């Protein structure tokens, strides 16, 4: 739009209306000034004629006898040059008695108009009243029924149809993700970049979601259908999300939205939530697991079909209890205490299970160790939720715990 300043620029509807009102006020003011000038000039002429009518015989004598009648008239009757010129050019019949009445009437009308014009020019309120009156008159004269139908409609949603088929999501330890068609993927044939290795594979569907768990409890989601396929190295997960400053991706999970997960933090707290609860359309993810300063998120565990929960601390204590003691939290949070931790001890992880779990950790010399605990061993650590559990003779420091059955 080109506004009052003459510069083309984008304007809001409010700006356009404000500038139009200013333009309209200026137009009315200029029109009134122009008309007032015309009115005053006409009054000036008619006042000269009115003066002549009172002395018509003397005026005729001056015109007949004087060599310079215009100057003589100006001197005798104190007329302006404009009035004197008008009298000299006027026809004699216009100075008749009947014409005097018309002059008086016209003068009266012009003086009324002069008063109104001066009021408009001298009072902003009067100018605005006139503008509103003219707009209303124009609307009444030119308005017609609205032709455009305005009604509420449903918001348009663009849907990209994804073929529902079995896929395997492959995630590396350094966060490179990809998908392979089908569930029959030989892990031994998977290749990774130098210095990288397999984190996990997830047998799921193309319509499912990959979740990435940040160290501070924020969860990021990427549709499985959006993951790169083929036999390459894949794509870093950080290129698909907006990672919060100071956050590291610690764990991953891919599965259907209806799946229940056991979520926990190193502070010893946990709760249940579905995959669908954790999904967000925002690349920045959503804050879901509450962690205090110095705490981090533990690996998630599938809770569907499980009857119990096994917790392991980094100090080597194990506690198992019924999964019914936990509660579901659809909006996330801190949850309930799973394991009562001793000083300087943290929760290595919590896994839902029915028959067995695997505990991974670091032994002497920094060597990776793991131990599978069957239901008999797990029953030995059975107690109510939030107890200290039982010291286990594992021979290594636990770092994570996983469900086997």
Protein backbone atom coordinates (compact mmCIF):
# COMPACT_ATOMS: atom_id res chain seq x y z
CA UNK A 1 0.00 0.00 0.00
CA UNK A 2 1.09 3.56 -0.73
CA UNK A 3 0.21 5.69 2.27
CA UNK A 4 0.17 9.41 3.02
CA UNK A 5 3.97 9.50 2.93
CA UNK A 6 3.98 8.20 -0.65
CA UNK A 7 6.18 5.21 0.23
CA UNK A 8 4.96 1.70 -0.75
CA UNK A 9 4.92 -0.55 2.31
CA UNK A 10 2.94 -3.30 4.01
CA UNK A 11 0.18 -2.02 6.27
CA UNK A 12 -2.25 -3.65 8.67
CA UNK A 13 -5.99 -3.11 8.29
CA UNK A 14 -5.90 -0.78 11.31
CA UNK A 15 -3.13 1.31 9.75
CA UNK A 16 -5.03 1.55 6.47
CA UNK A 17 -8.18 2.75 8.23
CA UNK A 18 -6.25 5.30 10.31
CA UNK A 19 -4.54 6.75 7.22
CA UNK A 20 -7.81 6.83 5.28
CA UNK A 21 -9.49 8.78 8.13
CA UNK A 22 -6.59 11.27 8.15
CA UNK A 23 -6.83 11.59 4.37
CA UNK A 24 -10.60 12.12 4.55
CA UNK A 25 -10.24 14.83 7.23
CA UNK A 26 -7.63 16.62 5.12
CA UNK A 27 -9.87 16.40 2.05
CA UNK A 28 -12.87 17.88 3.86
CA UNK A 29 -10.69 20.66 5.31
CA UNK A 30 -9.25 21.58 1.88
CA UNK A 31 -12.71 21.50 0.33
CA UNK A 32 -14.08 23.77 3.05
CA UNK A 33 -11.22 26.27 2.64
CA UNK A 34 -11.71 26.36 -1.10
CA UNK A 35 -15.45 26.86 -0.74
CA UNK A 36 -15.00 29.54 1.96
CA UNK A 37 -12.74 31.47 -0.40
CA UNK A 38 -15.44 31.39 -3.09
CA UNK A 39 -18.14 32.43 -0.61
CA UNK A 40 -16.13 35.37 0.74
CA UNK A 41 -15.36 36.55 -2.79
CA UNK A 42 -19.06 36.42 -3.75
CA UNK A 43 -20.07 38.26 -0.54
CA UNK A 44 -17.51 40.95 -1.38
CA UNK A 45 -19.03 41.43 -4.87
CA UNK A 46 -22.60 41.48 -3.63
CA UNK A 47 -21.78 44.02 -0.90
CA UNK A 48 -20.40 46.32 -3.62
CA UNK A 49 -23.57 45.93 -5.70
CA UNK A 50 -25.73 46.50 -2.65
CA UNK A 51 -23.90 49.78 -1.98
CA UNK A 52 -24.37 50.87 -5.61
CA UNK A 53 -28.12 50.18 -5.53
CA UNK A 54 -28.50 52.70 -2.74
CA UNK A 55 -26.86 55.38 -4.93
CA UNK A 56 -27.76 54.23 -8.43
CA UNK A 57 -28.28 57.71 -9.95
CA UNK A 58 -24.97 59.02 -8.66
CA UNK A 59 -23.16 55.93 -9.91
CA UNK A 60 -24.61 56.37 -13.41
CA UNK A 61 -23.58 60.03 -13.43
CA UNK A 62 -20.00 59.20 -12.40
CA UNK A 63 -19.72 56.56 -15.13
CA UNK A 64 -21.00 58.98 -17.79
CA UNK A 65 -18.95 62.03 -16.79
CA UNK A 66 -15.63 60.59 -15.51
CA UNK A 67 -12.64 59.77 -17.72
CA UNK A 68 -11.56 57.15 -15.17
CA UNK A 69 -14.86 55.81 -13.81
CA UNK A 70 -13.28 52.89 -11.92
CA UNK A 71 -10.98 55.12 -9.89
CA UNK A 72 -13.80 57.61 -9.36
CA UNK A 73 -16.14 54.90 -8.03
CA UNK A 74 -13.43 53.53 -5.72
CA UNK A 75 -12.78 57.02 -4.34
CA UNK A 76 -16.44 58.02 -3.95
CA UNK A 77 -17.86 54.84 -2.43
CA UNK A 78 -14.69 53.30 -0.94
CA UNK A 79 -14.96 50.28 -3.21
CA UNK A 80 -12.20 47.78 -3.88
CA UNK A 81 -10.80 47.41 -7.37
CA UNK A 82 -12.60 44.06 -7.63
CA UNK A 83 -15.97 45.65 -6.70
CA UNK A 84 -15.50 48.63 -8.99
CA UNK A 85 -14.62 46.37 -11.93
CA UNK A 86 -17.74 44.29 -11.29
CA UNK A 87 -19.99 47.39 -11.26
CA UNK A 88 -18.56 48.63 -14.54
CA UNK A 89 -19.20 45.27 -16.20
CA UNK A 90 -22.68 44.74 -14.79
CA UNK A 91 -25.76 45.28 -16.92
CA UNK A 92 -28.07 48.14 -16.00
CA UNK A 93 -31.08 45.88 -15.63
CA UNK A 94 -29.28 43.98 -12.85
CA UNK A 95 -29.44 47.12 -10.76
CA UNK A 96 -33.24 47.22 -10.74
CA UNK A 97 -35.28 47.13 -7.51
CA UNK A 98 -36.16 43.42 -7.96
CA UNK A 99 -32.47 42.59 -8.22
CA UNK A 100 -31.86 44.26 -4.84
CA UNK A 101 -34.14 41.71 -3.18
CA UNK A 102 -32.27 38.81 -4.81
CA UNK A 103 -28.95 40.26 -3.68
CA UNK A 104 -30.19 40.50 -0.11
CA UNK A 105 -31.41 36.90 -0.16
CA UNK A 106 -28.18 35.58 -1.65
CA UNK A 107 -26.09 37.53 0.87
CA UNK A 108 -28.10 36.03 3.72
CA UNK A 109 -27.54 32.49 2.39
CA UNK A 110 -23.84 33.06 1.78
CA UNK A 111 -23.28 34.45 5.26
CA UNK A 112 -24.97 31.39 6.78
CA UNK A 113 -22.72 29.15 4.67
CA UNK A 114 -19.68 31.22 5.71
CA UNK A 115 -20.54 30.68 9.35
CA UNK A 116 -20.83 26.91 8.88
CA UNK A 117 -17.58 26.68 6.91
CA UNK A 118 -15.70 28.70 9.51
CA UNK A 119 -17.09 26.45 12.24
CA UNK A 120 -15.84 23.34 10.37
CA UNK A 121 -12.39 24.84 9.92
CA UNK A 122 -12.20 26.14 13.47
CA UNK A 123 -13.53 23.09 15.31
CA UNK A 124 -12.06 19.53 14.88
CA UNK A 125 -15.21 18.10 16.47
CA UNK A 126 -17.42 19.82 13.87
CA UNK A 127 -15.17 18.52 11.10
CA UNK A 128 -15.45 14.94 12.41
CA UNK A 129 -19.24 15.22 12.72
CA UNK A 130 -19.45 16.29 9.08
CA UNK A 131 -17.16 13.42 8.03
CA UNK A 132 -19.29 10.84 9.87
CA UNK A 133 -22.45 12.33 8.37
CA UNK A 134 -21.05 12.10 4.84
CA UNK A 135 -19.86 8.50 5.36
CA UNK A 136 -23.29 7.48 6.63
CA UNK A 137 -24.93 9.18 3.65
CA UNK A 138 -22.59 7.39 1.24
CA UNK A 139 -23.26 4.06 2.95
CA UNK A 140 -27.00 4.61 2.64
CA UNK A 141 -26.70 5.57 -1.03
CA UNK A 142 -24.22 2.98 -2.26
CA UNK A 143 -24.43 0.08 0.22
CA UNK A 144 -25.68 -3.31 -0.97
CA UNK A 145 -26.04 -6.67 0.80
CA UNK A 146 -22.80 -8.55 1.49
CA UNK A 147 -22.08 -11.00 -1.30
CA UNK A 148 -19.22 -12.84 0.39
CA UNK A 149 -20.36 -15.60 2.72
CA UNK A 150 -18.44 -15.55 6.01
CA UNK A 151 -18.74 -18.68 8.10
CA UNK A 152 -16.62 -20.89 10.35
CA UNK A 153 -15.04 -23.85 8.61
CA UNK A 154 -13.02 -26.80 9.82
CA UNK A 155 -9.27 -26.31 9.90
CA UNK A 156 -7.59 -27.93 6.96
CA UNK A 157 -5.15 -30.65 7.95
CA UNK A 158 -2.60 -32.05 5.56
CA UNK A 159 -2.18 -35.77 6.09
CA UNK A 160 0.65 -37.77 4.61
CA UNK A 161 -0.45 -41.36 4.35
CA UNK A 162 2.16 -43.81 5.59
CA UNK A 163 2.08 -47.43 4.55
CA UNK A 164 1.72 -49.57 7.66
CA UNK A 165 4.44 -52.21 7.36
CA UNK A 166 6.93 -53.97 9.65
CA UNK A 167 10.28 -52.21 10.05
CA UNK A 168 13.31 -52.44 12.29
CA UNK A 169 14.72 -49.23 13.72
CA UNK A 170 18.49 -49.32 14.16
CA UNK A 171 20.11 -46.88 16.61
CA UNK A 172 23.84 -46.53 17.17
CA UNK A 173 25.57 -45.53 20.40
CA UNK A 174 26.44 -42.13 18.91
CA UNK A 175 22.86 -41.43 17.88
CA UNK A 176 22.79 -42.39 14.19
CA UNK A 177 19.34 -43.73 13.29
CA UNK A 178 17.94 -45.61 10.31
CA UNK A 179 15.21 -48.12 9.48
CA UNK A 180 15.25 -51.45 7.68
CA UNK A 181 12.21 -53.08 6.12
CA UNK A 182 10.96 -56.17 7.97
CA UNK A 183 11.84 -57.69 11.33
CA UNK A 184 14.36 -60.26 10.13
CA UNK A 185 17.46 -58.08 10.48
CA UNK A 186 20.75 -59.78 11.21
CA UNK A 187 22.50 -57.61 13.76
CA UNK A 188 25.88 -59.07 12.78
CA UNK A 189 25.56 -57.62 9.28
CA UNK A 190 24.94 -54.06 10.45
CA UNK A 191 27.81 -51.65 9.76
CA UNK A 192 28.59 -48.45 11.66
CA UNK A 193 30.98 -45.54 11.38
CA UNK A 194 34.43 -45.91 12.88
CA UNK A 195 34.29 -45.69 16.65
CA UNK A 196 30.53 -46.28 16.72
CA UNK A 197 28.54 -49.40 17.63
CA UNK A 198 25.00 -50.69 18.01
CA UNK A 199 22.84 -49.22 20.79
CA UNK A 200 19.72 -51.26 20.05
CA UNK A 201 17.29 -52.42 17.38
CA UNK A 202 13.53 -52.01 17.73
CA UNK A 203 11.10 -54.22 15.82
CA UNK A 204 8.07 -52.01 15.22
CA UNK A 205 5.79 -50.63 12.45
CA UNK A 206 6.34 -47.78 10.01
CA UNK A 207 3.48 -45.85 11.66
CA UNK A 208 5.15 -45.94 15.09
CA UNK A 209 7.37 -43.32 16.76
CA UNK A 210 11.04 -43.22 17.77
CA UNK A 211 11.58 -41.60 21.17
CA UNK A 212 14.87 -40.05 22.25
CA UNK A 213 15.31 -39.42 25.99
CA UNK A 214 17.38 -36.39 26.98
CA UNK A 215 19.54 -36.48 30.08
CA UNK A 216 17.42 -33.82 31.83
CA UNK A 217 14.07 -35.53 31.26
CA UNK A 218 13.01 -33.98 27.95
CA UNK A 219 11.65 -36.45 25.40
CA UNK A 220 12.02 -35.95 21.64
CA UNK A 221 9.94 -37.83 19.07
CA UNK A 222 10.52 -38.61 15.40
CA UNK A 223 8.07 -40.61 13.21
CA UNK A 224 9.58 -43.93 12.17
CA UNK A 225 8.41 -43.20 8.62
CA UNK A 226 10.71 -40.14 8.59
CA UNK A 227 13.85 -42.16 9.33
CA UNK A 228 16.27 -42.80 6.46
CA UNK A 229 16.17 -46.31 5.03
CA UNK A 230 18.59 -48.36 3.01
CA UNK A 231 21.89 -49.89 4.06
CA UNK A 232 23.82 -46.69 4.80
CA UNK A 233 24.86 -45.31 8.16
CA UNK A 234 21.60 -43.39 8.57
CA UNK A 235 21.28 -39.87 9.92
CA UNK A 236 22.16 -38.32 13.29
CA UNK A 237 19.12 -37.90 15.52
CA UNK A 238 20.29 -34.37 16.36
CA UNK A 239 19.53 -33.28 12.77
CA UNK A 240 15.87 -34.25 13.24
CA UNK A 241 15.23 -32.53 16.57
CA UNK A 242 16.09 -29.28 18.35
CA UNK A 243 18.19 -30.48 21.25
CA UNK A 244 18.01 -28.38 24.42
CA UNK A 245 21.29 -26.70 25.36
CA UNK A 246 23.35 -28.80 27.76
CA UNK A 247 21.32 -31.95 27.07
CA UNK A 248 22.63 -35.31 25.88
CA UNK A 249 20.54 -38.09 24.38
CA UNK A 250 20.98 -41.10 26.69
CA UNK A 251 18.31 -43.60 25.65
CA UNK A 252 15.99 -44.52 22.79
CA UNK A 253 12.81 -46.48 22.24
CA UNK A 254 10.59 -47.12 19.21
CA UNK A 255 7.13 -48.61 19.34
CA UNK A 256 3.37 -48.19 19.07
CA UNK A 257 1.63 -45.32 20.86
CA UNK A 258 -0.42 -47.70 23.02
CA UNK A 259 2.63 -49.38 24.58
CA UNK A 260 3.18 -48.75 28.30
CA UNK A 261 6.66 -47.78 29.44
CA UNK A 262 8.26 -47.75 32.88
CA UNK A 263 10.16 -44.45 33.18
CA UNK A 264 12.63 -43.68 35.95
CA UNK A 265 15.41 -41.32 37.00
CA UNK A 266 18.69 -41.81 38.83
CA UNK A 267 17.09 -40.11 41.85
CA UNK A 268 15.13 -43.32 42.50
CA UNK A 269 11.70 -42.24 41.30
CA UNK A 270 9.54 -43.60 38.47
CA UNK A 271 6.07 -43.99 36.94
CA UNK A 272 4.20 -45.51 34.00
CA UNK A 273 3.20 -43.74 30.76
CA UNK A 274 2.28 -44.74 27.22
CA UNK A 275 4.39 -43.96 24.18
CA UNK A 276 1.54 -41.74 22.96
CA UNK A 277 1.84 -39.65 26.14
CA UNK A 278 5.46 -38.85 25.30
CA UNK A 279 4.97 -37.96 21.62
CA UNK A 280 5.21 -34.28 20.64
CA UNK A 281 4.83 -32.56 17.28
CA UNK A 282 7.45 -30.00 18.27
CA UNK A 283 11.05 -30.56 17.20
CA UNK A 284 12.02 -29.24 20.63
CA UNK A 285 10.22 -32.19 22.26
CA UNK A 286 8.43 -31.99 25.60
CA UNK A 287 9.56 -31.94 29.23
CA UNK A 288 8.23 -35.19 30.70
CA UNK A 289 10.46 -36.78 33.37
CA UNK A 290 11.28 -34.44 36.27
CA UNK A 291 14.89 -34.64 37.42
CA UNK A 292 16.57 -32.78 40.25
CA UNK A 293 20.01 -31.23 39.87
CA UNK A 294 22.64 -33.91 39.30
CA UNK A 295 20.08 -36.56 38.30
CA UNK A 296 19.57 -38.10 34.87
CA UNK A 297 17.08 -40.30 33.04
CA UNK A 298 17.35 -44.09 33.17
CA UNK A 299 16.59 -46.41 30.26
CA UNK A 300 12.86 -46.98 29.64
CA UNK A 301 11.36 -50.44 29.97
CA UNK A 302 8.29 -51.94 28.28
CA UNK A 303 5.68 -52.58 30.97
CA UNK A 304 2.99 -54.37 28.93
CA UNK A 305 2.53 -57.94 30.11
CA UNK A 306 4.87 -57.45 33.08
CA UNK A 307 3.86 -58.37 36.62
CA UNK A 308 6.77 -56.96 38.65
CA UNK A 309 9.44 -54.25 38.69
CA UNK A 310 13.13 -54.81 39.40
CA UNK A 311 15.30 -51.88 40.52
CA UNK A 312 19.09 -51.86 40.77
CA UNK A 313 21.28 -49.22 42.38
CA UNK A 314 24.82 -48.34 41.39
CA UNK A 315 25.84 -49.53 44.86
CA UNK A 316 24.69 -53.07 44.03
CA UNK A 317 21.34 -53.22 45.85
CA UNK A 318 18.30 -54.83 44.18
CA UNK A 319 14.62 -54.45 44.98
CA UNK A 320 11.61 -56.09 43.29
CA UNK A 321 7.92 -55.35 43.84
CA UNK A 322 4.58 -55.73 42.07
CA UNK A 323 4.01 -53.37 39.13
CA UNK A 324 0.55 -52.60 40.52
CA UNK A 325 2.27 -50.42 43.15
CA UNK A 326 3.15 -47.87 40.45
CA UNK A 327 0.84 -45.26 38.99
CA UNK A 328 0.35 -43.99 35.43
CA UNK A 329 1.10 -40.31 34.75
CA UNK A 330 -0.10 -39.20 31.31
CA UNK A 331 1.42 -35.72 31.64
CA UNK A 332 4.70 -36.86 33.17
CA UNK A 333 6.38 -35.74 36.38
CA UNK A 334 8.62 -37.25 39.04
CA UNK A 335 6.50 -40.23 40.01
CA UNK A 336 6.74 -42.40 43.12
CA UNK A 337 9.86 -43.54 44.94
CA UNK A 338 10.98 -46.90 43.55
CA UNK A 339 14.06 -47.58 45.65
CA UNK A 340 15.25 -45.94 48.86
CA UNK A 341 18.82 -44.91 48.06
CA UNK A 342 21.71 -44.72 50.47
CA UNK A 343 24.10 -41.77 50.56
CA UNK A 344 26.07 -41.29 47.32
CA UNK A 345 24.04 -44.09 45.72
CA UNK A 346 21.90 -43.64 42.58
CA UNK A 347 19.38 -45.71 40.67
CA UNK A 348 21.08 -47.59 37.83
CA UNK A 349 17.70 -48.44 36.30
CA UNK A 350 14.32 -50.07 36.67
CA UNK A 351 12.84 -52.80 34.46
CA UNK A 352 9.39 -54.30 34.29
CA UNK A 353 9.46 -58.11 34.03
CA UNK A 354 7.58 -61.37 34.43
CA UNK A 355 10.38 -63.94 34.69
CA UNK A 356 13.88 -62.51 34.20
CA UNK A 357 16.05 -59.41 33.79
CA UNK A 358 19.64 -58.63 32.77
CA UNK A 359 21.87 -56.28 34.69
CA UNK A 360 24.77 -54.64 32.85
CA UNK A 361 27.68 -52.90 34.53
CA UNK A 362 31.43 -52.37 34.84
CA UNK A 363 33.72 -54.79 36.68
CA UNK A 364 37.35 -54.61 37.70
CA UNK A 365 39.69 -53.10 35.15
CA UNK A 366 36.78 -51.31 33.46
CA UNK A 367 35.60 -54.56 31.86
CA UNK A 368 31.94 -54.76 30.80
CA UNK A 369 29.98 -57.32 32.83
CA UNK A 370 26.40 -58.58 32.81
CA UNK A 371 24.31 -60.89 34.94
CA UNK A 372 20.95 -62.53 34.20
CA UNK A 373 18.62 -62.87 37.19
CA UNK A 374 15.81 -65.40 37.01
CA UNK A 375 12.61 -65.29 38.96
CA UNK A 376 14.00 -67.23 41.94
CA UNK A 377 16.81 -64.75 42.49
CA UNK A 378 14.45 -61.84 41.92
CA UNK A 379 12.00 -63.18 44.49
CA UNK A 380 14.78 -63.07 47.09
CA UNK A 381 14.85 -59.29 46.70
CA UNK A 382 11.05 -58.92 46.99
CA UNK A 383 9.74 -56.17 49.29
CA UNK A 384 7.36 -53.24 49.21
CA UNK A 385 8.09 -50.32 46.90
CA UNK A 386 10.42 -47.60 48.25
CA UNK A 387 12.43 -49.98 50.46
CA UNK A 388 16.24 -50.21 50.37
CA UNK A 389 16.26 -53.65 48.77
CA UNK A 390 18.84 -56.39 49.15
CA UNK A 391 22.58 -56.26 48.52
CA UNK A 392 23.42 -58.48 45.55
CA UNK A 393 26.73 -60.25 45.10
CA UNK A 394 27.20 -59.31 41.46
CA UNK A 395 30.90 -58.60 41.47
CA UNK A 396 30.49 -55.44 39.45
CA UNK A 397 28.88 -52.03 39.62
CA UNK A 398 25.42 -51.98 37.90
CA UNK A 399 24.85 -49.35 35.21
CA UNK A 400 21.56 -50.49 33.67
CA UNK A 401 18.88 -53.15 33.93
CA UNK A 402 16.87 -54.66 31.07
CA UNK A 403 13.78 -56.82 30.75
CA UNK A 404 14.30 -60.27 29.21
CA UNK A 405 10.93 -61.90 29.90
